[in-house]
């Protein structure tokens, strides 16, 4: 439950208590955890979180999609309740995505799955679709693809030409102090009002360790992130459908992003902004987020006849 249950609306409480299955699949010697909702016969929908994120970032929206989809939320290696690797890379992330699809039965359904990646997760799913697109119905990038280096994009200075050296994760003396220190990173450009969602995510972001509590995230996973500017026109070249959804208050793009990305990827690739959202649309506008995904994916399914 949320730290502040009195502030959580009924729909949220129902959603996080919707029955789900917690699963583990071994991928190249690493235990990969994922959460699963819904009928395995329905079209698959796979959520891949940002770097530092985990499956519970989507635990409140997945049940709202499970009426029409078989839904999975993944903990990539080095995050959530999955194991850690000695090193991280795109090949292992792609293997994890493919393995959870296979383990859950999504590749056996009549309709192939759609993979949805948020922030750095968008880079990961697009690169996975570049190599394995024929196995998917489509791929959706949520506020994660850049078309240029923008002045307001704080990540440009961090990622451009960097030599990555992970810092040790901080250890807090108590779980309460760890939860109190939790923040969304990068900081949103507008205030996220649904603090009950943030509280819920925080509660699943820490683990007990020697001397106290620390994040479940392995900082070494950050080696997989870059500006990914080479992906700006990738969606129109995939062997599956592609779409890009952006937040209104995003640091990655300007207000004309639909025109920019549309020109780069062609008219067959939906690109649009979800109004009123920060970089975290599943948190601050969950109903709009769910409606946008349903609109895109159900259209792709209908086009299959």
Protein backbone atom coordinates (compact mmCIF):
# COMPACT_ATOMS: atom_id res chain seq x y z
CA UNK A 1 0.00 0.00 0.00
CA UNK A 2 0.92 3.64 -0.29
CA UNK A 3 2.61 5.41 2.57
CA UNK A 4 -0.42 7.70 2.57
CA UNK A 5 -3.39 5.40 1.88
CA UNK A 6 -5.85 8.14 2.75
CA UNK A 7 -4.64 10.06 -0.34
CA UNK A 8 -4.91 7.14 -2.75
CA UNK A 9 -8.14 6.98 -4.79
CA UNK A 10 -10.24 3.82 -4.96
CA UNK A 11 -9.19 2.98 -8.52
CA UNK A 12 -5.54 2.88 -7.48
CA UNK A 13 -6.17 0.70 -4.44
CA UNK A 14 -8.17 -1.72 -6.60
CA UNK A 15 -5.49 -1.74 -9.27
CA UNK A 16 -2.55 -2.62 -7.03
CA UNK A 17 -4.61 -5.34 -5.37
CA UNK A 18 -5.69 -6.87 -8.68
CA UNK A 19 -4.47 -10.49 -8.78
CA UNK A 20 -1.16 -10.86 -10.57
CA UNK A 21 1.56 -13.46 -10.93
CA UNK A 22 5.19 -12.93 -9.91
CA UNK A 23 7.49 -14.90 -12.22
CA UNK A 24 11.18 -15.70 -12.62
CA UNK A 25 12.98 -16.81 -15.78
CA UNK A 26 16.70 -17.55 -16.08
CA UNK A 27 18.41 -15.54 -18.83
CA UNK A 28 22.10 -16.16 -19.44
CA UNK A 29 22.66 -17.15 -15.84
CA UNK A 30 20.69 -14.27 -14.31
CA UNK A 31 17.28 -14.54 -12.62
CA UNK A 32 14.88 -12.12 -14.34
CA UNK A 33 11.71 -11.19 -12.49
CA UNK A 34 8.47 -10.00 -14.07
CA UNK A 35 4.87 -9.38 -13.04
CA UNK A 36 2.00 -10.74 -15.12
CA UNK A 37 -1.70 -9.86 -15.43
CA UNK A 38 -4.56 -11.15 -17.57
CA UNK A 39 -5.45 -13.90 -20.01
CA UNK A 40 -2.50 -15.48 -21.81
CA UNK A 41 -4.62 -15.82 -24.96
CA UNK A 42 -4.96 -12.06 -25.36
CA UNK A 43 -2.45 -9.93 -27.30
CA UNK A 44 0.67 -9.31 -25.25
CA UNK A 45 1.76 -5.96 -23.88
CA UNK A 46 5.22 -5.76 -22.27
CA UNK A 47 6.40 -2.81 -20.16
CA UNK A 48 10.12 -2.08 -19.89
CA UNK A 49 10.95 0.57 -17.24
CA UNK A 50 13.60 3.28 -17.39
CA UNK A 51 17.08 2.70 -16.04
CA UNK A 52 16.69 2.69 -12.28
CA UNK A 53 13.04 1.74 -12.63
CA UNK A 54 11.33 -1.59 -12.07
CA UNK A 55 8.14 -3.52 -12.77
CA UNK A 56 6.11 -1.76 -10.08
CA UNK A 57 6.34 1.50 -12.05
CA UNK A 58 3.48 -0.02 -14.08
CA UNK A 59 1.64 -2.05 -11.43
CA UNK A 60 -1.15 0.55 -11.16
CA UNK A 61 -1.79 0.84 -14.93
CA UNK A 62 -1.30 -2.79 -16.01
CA UNK A 63 -4.63 -3.93 -14.48
CA UNK A 64 -6.41 -1.17 -16.45
CA UNK A 65 -5.11 -2.78 -19.65
CA UNK A 66 -5.65 -6.41 -18.68
CA UNK A 67 -9.28 -6.38 -19.86
CA UNK A 68 -7.97 -6.50 -23.44
CA UNK A 69 -4.34 -7.52 -23.11
CA UNK A 70 -2.03 -10.05 -21.50
CA UNK A 71 0.26 -7.64 -19.63
CA UNK A 72 3.80 -8.03 -18.33
CA UNK A 73 6.04 -5.58 -16.47
CA UNK A 74 9.72 -6.50 -16.47
CA UNK A 75 12.57 -5.99 -14.00
CA UNK A 76 15.65 -5.81 -16.24
CA UNK A 77 18.81 -7.28 -14.73
CA UNK A 78 20.22 -4.95 -12.12
CA UNK A 79 16.85 -3.56 -11.08
CA UNK A 80 13.83 -4.49 -9.02
CA UNK A 81 13.74 -8.12 -7.94
CA UNK A 82 15.92 -9.43 -10.77
CA UNK A 83 19.50 -10.56 -10.33
CA UNK A 84 22.63 -8.61 -11.21
CA UNK A 85 25.20 -9.10 -13.95
CA UNK A 86 28.93 -8.54 -14.00
CA UNK A 87 28.33 -6.19 -16.93
CA UNK A 88 25.29 -4.85 -18.77
CA UNK A 89 24.59 -4.32 -22.44
CA UNK A 90 21.91 -4.15 -25.11
CA UNK A 91 22.26 -7.82 -26.08
CA UNK A 92 21.44 -8.99 -22.57
CA UNK A 93 18.48 -6.60 -22.29
CA UNK A 94 17.10 -7.86 -25.60
CA UNK A 95 17.55 -11.45 -24.43
CA UNK A 96 15.62 -10.63 -21.25
CA UNK A 97 12.73 -9.09 -23.18
CA UNK A 98 12.54 -12.05 -25.57
CA UNK A 99 12.80 -14.54 -22.71
CA UNK A 100 9.94 -13.10 -20.66
CA UNK A 101 7.77 -13.03 -23.80
CA UNK A 102 8.54 -16.69 -24.43
CA UNK A 103 8.24 -17.76 -20.79
CA UNK A 104 4.85 -16.09 -20.42
CA UNK A 105 3.49 -17.63 -23.61
CA UNK A 106 3.18 -14.36 -25.52
CA UNK A 107 4.93 -15.73 -28.59
CA UNK A 108 2.37 -18.58 -28.68
CA UNK A 109 -0.67 -16.28 -28.82
CA UNK A 110 -2.46 -15.56 -32.10
CA UNK A 111 -1.24 -11.97 -32.05
CA UNK A 112 2.44 -11.15 -31.33
CA UNK A 113 3.21 -8.84 -28.40
CA UNK A 114 3.82 -5.12 -28.32
CA UNK A 115 6.76 -3.86 -26.27
CA UNK A 116 6.52 -0.49 -24.50
CA UNK A 117 9.65 1.21 -23.15
CA UNK A 118 9.79 4.36 -21.03
CA UNK A 119 12.73 6.81 -21.07
CA UNK A 120 15.94 4.74 -21.36
CA UNK A 121 13.62 1.75 -21.70
CA UNK A 122 12.48 3.27 -25.00
CA UNK A 123 16.03 3.03 -26.33
CA UNK A 124 16.24 -0.59 -25.19
CA UNK A 125 12.97 -1.70 -26.82
CA UNK A 126 13.65 0.07 -30.13
CA UNK A 127 17.09 -1.54 -30.36
CA UNK A 128 15.53 -4.89 -29.51
CA UNK A 129 12.99 -4.39 -32.30
CA UNK A 130 15.77 -3.48 -34.74
CA UNK A 131 17.23 -6.95 -34.22
CA UNK A 132 14.04 -8.96 -33.55
CA UNK A 133 11.19 -6.90 -34.98
CA UNK A 134 9.55 -9.82 -36.81
CA UNK A 135 8.66 -11.34 -33.43
CA UNK A 136 6.64 -8.30 -32.31
CA UNK A 137 3.43 -6.60 -33.36
CA UNK A 138 4.97 -3.25 -32.50
CA UNK A 139 7.17 -1.17 -30.27
CA UNK A 140 6.17 2.04 -28.45
CA UNK A 141 8.72 4.54 -27.17
CA UNK A 142 7.43 6.59 -24.23
CA UNK A 143 9.27 9.93 -23.89
CA UNK A 144 12.58 8.32 -24.68
CA UNK A 145 13.77 9.17 -28.22
CA UNK A 146 15.74 12.33 -29.00
CA UNK A 147 15.96 14.02 -32.40
CA UNK A 148 18.51 16.68 -31.35
CA UNK A 149 20.66 17.93 -28.49
CA UNK A 150 18.44 20.49 -26.76
CA UNK A 151 19.66 23.10 -24.29
CA UNK A 152 16.94 22.17 -21.78
CA UNK A 153 17.96 18.50 -21.90
CA UNK A 154 20.09 18.07 -18.78
CA UNK A 155 21.18 14.60 -19.91
CA UNK A 156 23.18 15.93 -22.87
CA UNK A 157 25.96 17.26 -20.62
CA UNK A 158 25.89 14.07 -18.55
CA UNK A 159 25.90 11.53 -21.38
CA UNK A 160 27.80 13.21 -24.20
CA UNK A 161 31.34 11.93 -24.38
CA UNK A 162 31.25 10.59 -20.83
CA UNK A 163 33.46 7.93 -19.31
CA UNK A 164 31.02 5.94 -17.21
CA UNK A 165 32.07 5.15 -13.66
CA UNK A 166 29.24 3.93 -11.42
CA UNK A 167 29.09 5.30 -7.91
CA UNK A 168 28.39 2.95 -5.00
CA UNK A 169 24.76 3.03 -3.91
CA UNK A 170 24.12 4.90 -0.67
CA UNK A 171 23.09 2.91 2.40
CA UNK A 172 20.44 4.44 4.66
CA UNK A 173 20.19 3.48 8.34
CA UNK A 174 16.47 2.68 8.10
CA UNK A 175 13.80 1.87 5.54
CA UNK A 176 11.90 5.00 6.58
CA UNK A 177 14.87 7.23 5.80
CA UNK A 178 15.41 5.50 2.45
CA UNK A 179 11.77 6.06 1.49
CA UNK A 180 11.97 9.70 2.56
CA UNK A 181 14.95 10.24 0.24
CA UNK A 182 13.31 8.69 -2.83
CA UNK A 183 13.05 11.06 -5.80
CA UNK A 184 12.16 10.65 -9.45
CA UNK A 185 15.28 11.07 -11.58
CA UNK A 186 15.51 13.04 -13.74
CA UNK A 187 13.47 15.61 -11.85
CA UNK A 188 10.22 16.32 -13.73
CA UNK A 189 9.77 19.74 -15.38
CA UNK A 190 6.36 20.04 -13.76
CA UNK A 191 5.23 18.84 -10.35
CA UNK A 192 3.92 15.28 -10.22
CA UNK A 193 0.74 15.51 -8.16
CA UNK A 194 -0.02 11.80 -7.81
CA UNK A 195 2.27 11.31 -4.85
CA UNK A 196 0.48 8.09 -3.90
CA UNK A 197 1.91 6.49 -7.07
CA UNK A 198 5.40 7.79 -6.30
CA UNK A 199 5.10 6.45 -2.74
CA UNK A 200 4.09 3.04 -4.04
CA UNK A 201 7.04 2.94 -6.44
CA UNK A 202 9.39 3.98 -3.64
CA UNK A 203 8.20 1.13 -1.42
CA UNK A 204 9.41 -1.36 -4.03
CA UNK A 205 12.71 0.43 -4.75
CA UNK A 206 14.82 -0.54 -1.72
CA UNK A 207 16.24 -3.68 -0.15
CA UNK A 208 17.80 -4.46 3.21
CA UNK A 209 21.57 -4.83 3.24
CA UNK A 210 24.45 -4.80 5.69
CA UNK A 211 24.15 -1.63 7.73
CA UNK A 212 20.71 -0.58 6.59
CA UNK A 213 18.70 -0.13 3.37
CA UNK A 214 19.85 0.60 -0.16
CA UNK A 215 18.36 0.85 -3.64
CA UNK A 216 17.60 -2.32 -5.58
CA UNK A 217 19.13 -0.63 -8.62
CA UNK A 218 22.66 -1.59 -9.62
CA UNK A 219 24.37 1.69 -10.64
CA UNK A 220 26.48 -0.25 -13.15
CA UNK A 221 23.35 -0.65 -15.29
CA UNK A 222 23.77 3.01 -16.23
CA UNK A 223 26.41 1.93 -18.74
CA UNK A 224 23.57 0.98 -21.11
CA UNK A 225 22.30 4.58 -21.47
CA UNK A 226 23.36 7.11 -24.11
CA UNK A 227 21.78 9.94 -26.09
CA UNK A 228 20.65 7.44 -28.76
CA UNK A 229 20.32 10.11 -31.45
CA UNK A 230 20.85 7.43 -34.08
CA UNK A 231 17.39 6.10 -33.17
CA UNK A 232 15.54 9.28 -34.21
CA UNK A 233 14.44 7.73 -37.53
CA UNK A 234 14.50 4.07 -36.46
CA UNK A 235 10.76 3.58 -35.92
CA UNK A 236 9.96 3.85 -39.61
CA UNK A 237 12.49 1.16 -40.52
CA UNK A 238 11.43 -1.66 -38.20
CA UNK A 239 10.03 -5.02 -39.24
CA UNK A 240 7.10 -4.30 -36.90
CA UNK A 241 4.93 -1.28 -36.14
CA UNK A 242 6.45 1.65 -34.29
CA UNK A 243 5.10 4.64 -32.35
CA UNK A 244 6.51 7.41 -30.18
CA UNK A 245 4.51 9.07 -27.40
CA UNK A 246 5.85 12.18 -25.69
CA UNK A 247 5.01 14.13 -22.55
CA UNK A 248 3.90 17.74 -22.81
CA UNK A 249 6.57 18.79 -20.31
CA UNK A 250 9.46 16.73 -21.59
CA UNK A 251 13.17 17.57 -21.53
CA UNK A 252 13.83 15.47 -24.64
CA UNK A 253 11.81 17.40 -27.22
CA UNK A 254 10.04 20.63 -28.10
CA UNK A 255 6.34 21.22 -28.73
CA UNK A 256 6.74 20.43 -32.45
CA UNK A 257 8.01 16.91 -31.75
CA UNK A 258 5.12 15.27 -33.64
CA UNK A 259 6.07 17.13 -36.81
CA UNK A 260 9.81 16.53 -36.32
CA UNK A 261 9.58 12.82 -35.57
CA UNK A 262 6.82 12.37 -38.15
CA UNK A 263 9.06 13.73 -40.89
CA UNK A 264 11.90 11.47 -39.80
CA UNK A 265 9.86 8.27 -39.50
CA UNK A 266 7.07 8.64 -42.04
CA UNK A 267 3.25 8.78 -41.89
CA UNK A 268 2.84 5.14 -40.83
CA UNK A 269 4.42 5.87 -37.41
CA UNK A 270 2.09 7.54 -34.86
CA UNK A 271 3.82 10.33 -32.94
CA UNK A 272 1.92 12.51 -30.47
CA UNK A 273 2.02 14.31 -27.13
CA UNK A 274 0.00 13.24 -24.09
CA UNK A 275 -1.25 16.58 -22.70
CA UNK A 276 -0.62 17.55 -19.10
CA UNK A 277 2.14 15.04 -18.53
CA UNK A 278 5.66 15.25 -17.17
CA UNK A 279 8.42 12.84 -18.19
CA UNK A 280 6.41 10.28 -16.18
CA UNK A 281 2.99 10.02 -17.92
CA UNK A 282 2.10 6.68 -16.30
CA UNK A 283 2.39 8.43 -12.93
CA UNK A 284 0.78 11.84 -13.37
CA UNK A 285 -1.81 11.02 -16.06
CA UNK A 286 -2.40 7.24 -15.81
CA UNK A 287 -5.83 7.25 -17.49
CA UNK A 288 -4.56 9.25 -20.46
CA UNK A 289 -1.53 6.94 -20.63
CA UNK A 290 -3.74 3.83 -20.73
CA UNK A 291 -6.10 5.33 -23.31
CA UNK A 292 -3.19 6.34 -25.56
CA UNK A 293 -1.69 2.84 -25.48
CA UNK A 294 -5.03 1.18 -26.17
CA UNK A 295 -5.70 3.49 -29.09
CA UNK A 296 -2.37 2.75 -30.75
CA UNK A 297 -2.16 -1.00 -30.12
CA UNK A 298 -5.80 -1.83 -30.86
CA UNK A 299 -5.45 -0.01 -34.19
CA UNK A 300 -2.44 -2.16 -35.04
CA UNK A 301 -4.36 -5.30 -34.09
CA UNK A 302 -7.33 -4.24 -36.22
CA UNK A 303 -5.03 -3.72 -39.20
CA UNK A 304 -4.09 -7.41 -38.97
CA UNK A 305 -7.69 -8.36 -39.65
